[in-house]
């Protein structure tokens, strides 16, 4: 507690120094190829195969446990994998504008 008064100004200066770097590259152009690749994978053949696999595993577990919750979880996971990139892109685009 006695060192808190000495540490607080140093921490404030560090936070202010980091805040200037937080706005560097705000448009994200350097990550555009990565974003495009991930979107293509998630909504292309790989994404559909993974979504179908998640659903089938959930269905198999649901049949084994005799519960509909596993099937619903598998369905939700598959839908989230396929549609969530569009939702995230829409939310981020709405926040930037």
N, C-alpha and C. Protein backbone atom coordinates (compact mmCIF):
# COMPACT_ATOMS: atom_id res chain seq x y z
N UNK A 1 0.82 -1.20 0.00
CA UNK A 1 0.00 0.00 0.00
C UNK A 1 0.86 1.26 0.00
N UNK A 2 2.00 1.19 0.67
CA UNK A 2 2.83 2.39 0.74
C UNK A 2 3.52 2.67 -0.60
N UNK A 3 3.66 1.67 -1.46
CA UNK A 3 4.27 1.88 -2.77
C UNK A 3 3.26 2.28 -3.84
N UNK A 4 2.00 2.25 -3.51
CA UNK A 4 0.94 2.55 -4.47
C UNK A 4 1.05 3.97 -5.01
N UNK A 5 1.38 4.93 -4.15
CA UNK A 5 1.51 6.32 -4.59
C UNK A 5 2.68 6.50 -5.57
N UNK A 6 3.69 5.69 -5.45
CA UNK A 6 4.83 5.78 -6.36
C UNK A 6 4.57 5.05 -7.67
N UNK A 7 3.77 4.01 -7.62
CA UNK A 7 3.52 3.19 -8.81
C UNK A 7 2.44 3.80 -9.70
N UNK A 8 1.45 4.45 -9.14
CA UNK A 8 0.33 4.98 -9.94
C UNK A 8 0.77 5.95 -11.04
N UNK A 9 1.63 6.92 -10.79
CA UNK A 9 2.04 7.79 -11.90
C UNK A 9 2.78 7.05 -13.01
N UNK A 10 3.59 6.08 -12.63
CA UNK A 10 4.31 5.30 -13.63
C UNK A 10 3.32 4.49 -14.48
N UNK A 11 2.33 3.90 -13.83
CA UNK A 11 1.32 3.13 -14.56
C UNK A 11 0.51 4.04 -15.47
N UNK A 12 0.18 5.24 -15.02
CA UNK A 12 -0.58 6.17 -15.85
C UNK A 12 0.21 6.56 -17.09
N UNK A 13 1.51 6.79 -16.95
CA UNK A 13 2.35 7.12 -18.10
C UNK A 13 2.44 5.94 -19.07
N UNK A 14 2.52 4.75 -18.55
CA UNK A 14 2.58 3.57 -19.41
C UNK A 14 1.29 3.40 -20.19
N UNK A 15 0.16 3.59 -19.54
CA UNK A 15 -1.13 3.46 -20.22
C UNK A 15 -1.29 4.53 -21.29
N UNK A 16 -0.86 5.75 -20.99
CA UNK A 16 -0.95 6.82 -21.99
C UNK A 16 -0.04 6.53 -23.18
N UNK A 17 1.11 5.94 -22.93
CA UNK A 17 2.01 5.58 -24.02
C UNK A 17 1.45 4.47 -24.89
N UNK A 18 0.75 3.53 -24.28
CA UNK A 18 0.16 2.44 -25.04
C UNK A 18 -1.07 2.90 -25.82
N UNK A 19 -1.77 3.91 -25.34
CA UNK A 19 -2.98 4.38 -26.01
C UNK A 19 -2.65 4.96 -27.38
N UNK A 20 -1.49 5.58 -27.53
CA UNK A 20 -1.11 6.14 -28.83
C UNK A 20 -0.89 5.03 -29.85
N UNK A 21 -0.40 3.90 -29.41
CA UNK A 21 -0.15 2.78 -30.32
C UNK A 21 -1.41 2.02 -30.67
N UNK A 22 -2.48 2.20 -29.93
CA UNK A 22 -3.70 1.45 -30.16
C UNK A 22 -4.38 1.84 -31.46
N UNK A 23 -4.12 3.03 -31.97
CA UNK A 23 -4.78 3.48 -33.18
C UNK A 23 -3.94 3.24 -34.43
N UNK A 24 -2.76 2.70 -34.28
CA UNK A 24 -1.92 2.45 -35.44
C UNK A 24 -2.52 1.33 -36.28
N UNK A 25 -2.69 1.57 -37.57
CA UNK A 25 -3.26 0.55 -38.46
C UNK A 25 -4.71 0.27 -38.18
N UNK A 26 -5.49 1.28 -37.90
CA UNK A 26 -6.88 1.08 -37.52
C UNK A 26 -7.73 0.52 -38.66
N UNK A 27 -7.32 0.72 -39.91
CA UNK A 27 -8.13 0.22 -41.01
C UNK A 27 -7.96 -1.28 -41.21
N UNK A 28 -6.90 -1.87 -40.71
CA UNK A 28 -6.72 -3.31 -40.76
C UNK A 28 -6.38 -3.85 -42.13
N UNK A 29 -5.85 -3.02 -43.02
CA UNK A 29 -5.53 -3.47 -44.37
C UNK A 29 -4.45 -4.54 -44.38
N UNK A 30 -3.58 -4.53 -43.39
CA UNK A 30 -2.51 -5.51 -43.37
C UNK A 30 -3.03 -6.92 -43.06
N UNK A 31 -4.23 -7.03 -42.51
CA UNK A 31 -4.80 -8.33 -42.21
C UNK A 31 -5.87 -8.76 -43.20
N UNK A 32 -6.08 -8.01 -44.25
CA UNK A 32 -7.11 -8.33 -45.24
C UNK A 32 -6.90 -9.71 -45.88
N UNK A 33 -5.68 -10.10 -46.25
CA UNK A 33 -5.52 -11.45 -46.82
C UNK A 33 -5.87 -12.56 -45.84
N UNK A 34 -5.54 -12.36 -44.58
CA UNK A 34 -5.86 -13.37 -43.57
C UNK A 34 -7.38 -13.46 -43.38
N UNK A 35 -8.03 -12.30 -43.33
CA UNK A 35 -9.49 -12.28 -43.19
C UNK A 35 -10.16 -12.96 -44.37
N UNK A 36 -9.69 -12.67 -45.56
CA UNK A 36 -10.27 -13.28 -46.75
C UNK A 36 -10.09 -14.80 -46.74
N UNK A 37 -8.90 -15.25 -46.37
CA UNK A 37 -8.65 -16.70 -46.32
C UNK A 37 -9.54 -17.38 -45.29
N UNK A 38 -9.68 -16.78 -44.10
CA UNK A 38 -10.51 -17.39 -43.06
C UNK A 38 -11.98 -17.41 -43.47
N UNK A 39 -12.45 -16.32 -44.09
CA UNK A 39 -13.84 -16.30 -44.56
C UNK A 39 -14.07 -17.35 -45.64
N UNK A 40 -13.12 -17.49 -46.56
CA UNK A 40 -13.26 -18.50 -47.60
C UNK A 40 -13.28 -19.91 -47.02
N UNK A 41 -12.45 -20.14 -46.01
CA UNK A 41 -12.44 -21.45 -45.39
C UNK A 41 -13.73 -21.71 -44.63
N UNK A 42 -14.19 -20.72 -43.87
CA UNK A 42 -15.37 -20.92 -43.02
C UNK A 42 -16.65 -21.07 -43.84
N UNK A 43 -16.74 -20.36 -44.97
CA UNK A 43 -17.98 -20.41 -45.74
C UNK A 43 -17.84 -21.21 -47.03
N UNK A 44 -16.69 -21.80 -47.24
CA UNK A 44 -16.48 -22.64 -48.41
C UNK A 44 -16.72 -24.09 -48.08
N UNK A 45 -16.04 -24.94 -48.82
CA UNK A 45 -16.20 -26.37 -48.63
C UNK A 45 -15.75 -26.84 -47.26
N UNK A 46 -14.65 -26.27 -46.76
CA UNK A 46 -14.15 -26.66 -45.44
C UNK A 46 -15.17 -26.33 -44.35
N UNK A 47 -15.73 -25.13 -44.42
CA UNK A 47 -16.72 -24.73 -43.42
C UNK A 47 -17.96 -25.60 -43.45
N UNK A 48 -18.42 -25.92 -44.66
CA UNK A 48 -19.60 -26.79 -44.77
C UNK A 48 -19.30 -28.19 -44.24
N UNK A 49 -18.10 -28.70 -44.55
CA UNK A 49 -17.73 -30.03 -44.05
C UNK A 49 -17.63 -30.04 -42.53
N UNK A 50 -17.01 -28.99 -41.96
CA UNK A 50 -16.91 -28.92 -40.50
C UNK A 50 -18.29 -28.76 -39.86
N UNK A 51 -19.14 -27.93 -40.45
CA UNK A 51 -20.49 -27.75 -39.90
C UNK A 51 -21.27 -29.06 -39.94
N UNK A 52 -21.17 -29.77 -41.05
CA UNK A 52 -21.85 -31.06 -41.15
C UNK A 52 -21.27 -32.05 -40.16
N UNK A 53 -19.94 -32.04 -40.00
CA UNK A 53 -19.31 -32.93 -39.03
C UNK A 53 -19.74 -32.63 -37.60
N UNK A 54 -19.80 -31.35 -37.25
CA UNK A 54 -20.26 -30.97 -35.91
C UNK A 54 -21.69 -31.44 -35.69
N UNK A 55 -22.54 -31.26 -36.69
CA UNK A 55 -23.93 -31.69 -36.56
C UNK A 55 -24.03 -33.21 -36.43
N UNK A 56 -23.26 -33.93 -37.23
CA UNK A 56 -23.33 -35.39 -37.18
C UNK A 56 -22.79 -35.94 -35.85
N UNK A 57 -21.72 -35.35 -35.34
CA UNK A 57 -21.21 -35.78 -34.04
C UNK A 57 -22.23 -35.48 -32.95
N UNK A 58 -22.85 -34.28 -33.01
CA UNK A 58 -23.90 -33.95 -32.04
C UNK A 58 -25.08 -34.90 -32.13
N UNK A 59 -25.44 -35.28 -33.34
CA UNK A 59 -26.54 -36.23 -33.51
C UNK A 59 -26.16 -37.60 -32.95
N UNK A 60 -24.92 -38.03 -33.22
CA UNK A 60 -24.46 -39.32 -32.69
C UNK A 60 -24.43 -39.33 -31.17
N UNK A 61 -23.94 -38.27 -30.58
CA UNK A 61 -23.92 -38.19 -29.11
C UNK A 61 -25.34 -38.11 -28.57
N UNK A 62 -26.21 -37.39 -29.27
CA UNK A 62 -27.60 -37.30 -28.84
C UNK A 62 -28.31 -38.64 -28.87
N UNK A 63 -28.02 -39.43 -29.89
CA UNK A 63 -28.61 -40.77 -29.97
C UNK A 63 -28.04 -41.66 -28.87
N UNK A 64 -26.74 -41.57 -28.62
CA UNK A 64 -26.12 -42.40 -27.59
C UNK A 64 -26.63 -42.05 -26.20
N UNK A 65 -26.82 -40.75 -25.95
CA UNK A 65 -27.28 -40.32 -24.63
C UNK A 65 -28.80 -40.22 -24.55
N UNK A 66 -29.47 -40.42 -25.67
CA UNK A 66 -30.92 -40.30 -25.76
C UNK A 66 -31.37 -38.93 -25.26
N UNK A 67 -30.73 -37.90 -25.84
CA UNK A 67 -31.01 -36.53 -25.45
C UNK A 67 -31.03 -35.65 -26.70
N UNK A 68 -31.97 -34.73 -26.75
CA UNK A 68 -32.05 -33.81 -27.88
C UNK A 68 -31.08 -32.64 -27.73
N UNK A 69 -30.57 -32.42 -26.53
CA UNK A 69 -29.68 -31.28 -26.31
C UNK A 69 -28.38 -31.40 -27.10
N UNK A 70 -27.84 -32.59 -27.24
CA UNK A 70 -26.62 -32.77 -28.02
C UNK A 70 -26.87 -32.48 -29.50
N UNK A 71 -28.03 -32.87 -29.99
CA UNK A 71 -28.38 -32.58 -31.38
C UNK A 71 -28.53 -31.07 -31.56
N UNK A 72 -29.18 -30.40 -30.62
CA UNK A 72 -29.34 -28.95 -30.70
C UNK A 72 -28.00 -28.24 -30.61
N UNK A 73 -27.10 -28.75 -29.77
CA UNK A 73 -25.77 -28.16 -29.66
C UNK A 73 -24.99 -28.34 -30.96
N UNK A 74 -25.07 -29.52 -31.55
CA UNK A 74 -24.41 -29.77 -32.83
C UNK A 74 -24.97 -28.89 -33.94
N UNK A 75 -26.27 -28.73 -33.96
CA UNK A 75 -26.91 -27.87 -34.96
C UNK A 75 -26.49 -26.42 -34.75
N UNK A 76 -26.51 -25.97 -33.51
CA UNK A 76 -26.09 -24.60 -33.20
C UNK A 76 -24.63 -24.36 -33.54
N UNK A 77 -23.77 -25.31 -33.25
CA UNK A 77 -22.35 -25.18 -33.58
C UNK A 77 -22.12 -25.11 -35.08
N UNK A 78 -22.83 -25.95 -35.83
CA UNK A 78 -22.70 -25.93 -37.28
C UNK A 78 -23.20 -24.62 -37.88
N UNK A 79 -24.34 -24.15 -37.40
CA UNK A 79 -24.87 -22.88 -37.89
C UNK A 79 -23.97 -21.72 -37.52
N UNK A 80 -23.44 -21.74 -36.31
CA UNK A 80 -22.54 -20.67 -35.89
C UNK A 80 -21.28 -20.64 -36.73
N UNK A 81 -20.72 -21.79 -37.02
CA UNK A 81 -19.50 -21.85 -37.82
C UNK A 81 -19.74 -21.27 -39.21
N UNK A 82 -20.90 -21.55 -39.79
CA UNK A 82 -21.16 -21.12 -41.16
C UNK A 82 -21.62 -19.67 -41.25
N UNK A 83 -22.48 -19.22 -40.34
CA UNK A 83 -23.07 -17.89 -40.45
C UNK A 83 -22.41 -16.81 -39.60
N UNK A 84 -21.66 -17.17 -38.59
CA UNK A 84 -21.09 -16.18 -37.69
C UNK A 84 -20.11 -15.21 -38.36
N UNK A 85 -19.30 -15.62 -39.34
CA UNK A 85 -18.43 -14.63 -40.00
C UNK A 85 -19.21 -13.47 -40.63
N UNK A 86 -20.36 -13.75 -41.24
CA UNK A 86 -21.18 -12.67 -41.81
C UNK A 86 -21.72 -11.76 -40.73
N UNK A 87 -22.14 -12.35 -39.62
CA UNK A 87 -22.68 -11.55 -38.52
C UNK A 87 -21.60 -10.66 -37.94
N UNK A 88 -20.41 -11.21 -37.71
CA UNK A 88 -19.32 -10.41 -37.16
C UNK A 88 -18.93 -9.29 -38.12
N UNK A 89 -18.86 -9.60 -39.41
CA UNK A 89 -18.53 -8.57 -40.40
C UNK A 89 -19.56 -7.46 -40.40
N UNK A 90 -20.84 -7.79 -40.30
CA UNK A 90 -21.90 -6.78 -40.27
C UNK A 90 -21.81 -5.91 -39.02
N UNK A 91 -21.53 -6.52 -37.88
CA UNK A 91 -21.43 -5.77 -36.64
C UNK A 91 -20.24 -4.81 -36.68
N UNK A 92 -19.10 -5.31 -37.13
CA UNK A 92 -17.91 -4.47 -37.18
C UNK A 92 -18.09 -3.35 -38.20
N UNK A 93 -18.69 -3.64 -39.34
CA UNK A 93 -18.92 -2.60 -40.34
C UNK A 93 -19.87 -1.53 -39.81
N UNK A 94 -20.86 -1.93 -39.05
CA UNK A 94 -21.81 -0.97 -38.48
C UNK A 94 -21.13 -0.10 -37.41
N UNK A 95 -20.17 -0.67 -36.68
CA UNK A 95 -19.48 0.09 -35.64
C UNK A 95 -18.51 1.09 -36.26
N UNK A 96 -17.90 0.76 -37.38
CA UNK A 96 -16.92 1.64 -38.01
C UNK A 96 -17.60 2.83 -38.67
N UNK A 97 -18.75 2.61 -39.27
CA UNK A 97 -19.46 3.68 -39.99
C UNK A 97 -20.08 4.61 -39.05
